[in-house]
């Protein structure tokens, strides 16, 4: 349980950091790395991969602990 939970929490933390860094500034201007068209297309799926993988690992750890 411990390793799955740790990996899940780390993946969810990475997703949270990516979401935070992807937010526009106070003036509504996107960050420098998101000004390119390819970054706007690729950035959301990368965040979703980390979110889903983290959620799966956490759920797997919680379900294996109940057995």
C-alpha atoms as a PDB file:
ATOM      1  CA  UNK A   1       0.000   0.000   0.000  1.00  0.00           C
ATOM      2  CA  UNK A   2       2.716   2.468   0.925  1.00  0.00           C
ATOM      3  CA  UNK A   3       4.485   2.611  -2.415  1.00  0.00           C
ATOM      4  CA  UNK A   4       1.301   2.926  -4.479  1.00  0.00           C
ATOM      5  CA  UNK A   5      -0.015   5.660  -2.238  1.00  0.00           C
ATOM      6  CA  UNK A   6       3.279   7.551  -2.341  1.00  0.00           C
ATOM      7  CA  UNK A   7       3.477   7.364  -6.129  1.00  0.00           C
ATOM      8  CA  UNK A   8      -0.148   8.479  -6.423  1.00  0.00           C
ATOM      9  CA  UNK A   9       0.353  11.462  -4.155  1.00  0.00           C
ATOM     10  CA  UNK A  10       3.503  12.467  -6.033  1.00  0.00           C
ATOM     11  CA  UNK A  11       1.700  12.238  -9.387  1.00  0.00           C
ATOM     12  CA  UNK A  12      -1.211  14.307  -8.080  1.00  0.00           C
ATOM     13  CA  UNK A  13       1.270  16.846  -6.727  1.00  0.00           C
ATOM     14  CA  UNK A  14       2.962  17.092 -10.125  1.00  0.00           C
ATOM     15  CA  UNK A  15      -0.442  17.648 -11.725  1.00  0.00           C
ATOM     16  CA  UNK A  16      -1.229  20.411  -9.226  1.00  0.00           C
ATOM     17  CA  UNK A  17       2.091  22.130  -9.933  1.00  0.00           C
ATOM     18  CA  UNK A  18       1.495  21.882 -13.683  1.00  0.00           C
ATOM     19  CA  UNK A  19      -1.975  23.386 -13.277  1.00  0.00           C
ATOM     20  CA  UNK A  20      -0.557  26.213 -11.156  1.00  0.00           C
ATOM     21  CA  UNK A  21       2.194  26.992 -13.676  1.00  0.00           C
ATOM     22  CA  UNK A  22      -0.310  26.928 -16.531  1.00  0.00           C
ATOM     23  CA  UNK A  23      -2.542  29.612 -15.058  1.00  0.00           C
ATOM     24  CA  UNK A  24      -2.383  33.036 -16.686  1.00  0.00           C
ATOM     25  CA  UNK A  25      -1.012  35.964 -14.712  1.00  0.00           C
ATOM     26  CA  UNK A  26      -3.139  38.731 -13.190  1.00  0.00           C
ATOM     27  CA  UNK A  27      -3.378  40.525 -16.527  1.00  0.00           C
ATOM     28  CA  UNK A  28      -4.676  37.403 -18.288  1.00  0.00           C
ATOM     29  CA  UNK A  29      -1.517  36.795 -20.287  1.00  0.00           C
ATOM     30  CA  UNK A  30      -0.461  33.181 -20.739  1.00  0.00           C
ATOM     31  CA  UNK A  31       2.906  32.038 -19.501  1.00  0.00           C
ATOM     32  CA  UNK A  32       5.754  32.194 -21.963  1.00  0.00           C
ATOM     33  CA  UNK A  33       5.848  28.441 -22.628  1.00  0.00           C
ATOM     34  CA  UNK A  34       2.102  28.373 -23.413  1.00  0.00           C
ATOM     35  CA  UNK A  35       2.236  31.025 -26.110  1.00  0.00           C
ATOM     36  CA  UNK A  36       3.067  28.459 -28.781  1.00  0.00           C
ATOM     37  CA  UNK A  37       0.258  26.558 -30.491  1.00  0.00           C
ATOM     38  CA  UNK A  38       1.767  23.128 -29.857  1.00  0.00           C
ATOM     39  CA  UNK A  39       2.041  23.796 -26.118  1.00  0.00           C
ATOM     40  CA  UNK A  40      -1.624  24.737 -25.873  1.00  0.00           C
ATOM     41  CA  UNK A  41      -2.569  21.461 -27.561  1.00  0.00           C
ATOM     42  CA  UNK A  42      -0.172  19.225 -25.610  1.00  0.00           C
ATOM     43  CA  UNK A  43      -0.288  20.781 -22.131  1.00  0.00           C
ATOM     44  CA  UNK A  44      -3.830  19.734 -21.053  1.00  0.00           C
ATOM     45  CA  UNK A  45      -3.359  16.036 -21.955  1.00  0.00           C
ATOM     46  CA  UNK A  46      -0.099  15.938 -19.999  1.00  0.00           C
ATOM     47  CA  UNK A  47      -1.913  17.292 -16.941  1.00  0.00           C
ATOM     48  CA  UNK A  48      -4.719  14.764 -17.430  1.00  0.00           C
ATOM     49  CA  UNK A  49      -2.211  11.908 -17.627  1.00  0.00           C
ATOM     50  CA  UNK A  50      -0.714  12.878 -14.268  1.00  0.00           C
ATOM     51  CA  UNK A  51      -4.175  13.373 -12.708  1.00  0.00           C
ATOM     52  CA  UNK A  52      -5.525  10.040 -13.902  1.00  0.00           C
ATOM     53  CA  UNK A  53      -2.374   8.086 -13.100  1.00  0.00           C
ATOM     54  CA  UNK A  54      -2.240   9.622  -9.620  1.00  0.00           C
ATOM     55  CA  UNK A  55      -5.896   8.915  -8.958  1.00  0.00           C
ATOM     56  CA  UNK A  56      -5.500   5.306 -10.115  1.00  0.00           C
ATOM     57  CA  UNK A  57      -2.507   4.747  -7.855  1.00  0.00           C
ATOM     58  CA  UNK A  58      -4.269   6.253  -4.835  1.00  0.00           C
ATOM     59  CA  UNK A  59      -7.411   4.202  -5.454  1.00  0.00           C
ATOM     60  CA  UNK A  60      -5.342   1.067  -5.980  1.00  0.00           C
ATOM     61  CA  UNK A  61      -3.558   1.672  -2.674  1.00  0.00           C
ATOM     62  CA  UNK A  62      -6.818   2.300  -0.824  1.00  0.00           C
ATOM     63  CA  UNK A  63      -8.517  -0.761  -2.296  1.00  0.00           C
ATOM     64  CA  UNK A  64      -5.569  -3.051  -1.596  1.00  0.00           C
ATOM     65  CA  UNK A  65      -5.478  -1.811   2.019  1.00  0.00           C
ATOM     66  CA  UNK A  66      -9.071  -2.925   2.558  1.00  0.00           C
ATOM     67  CA  UNK A  67      -8.271  -6.572   1.723  1.00  0.00           C
END
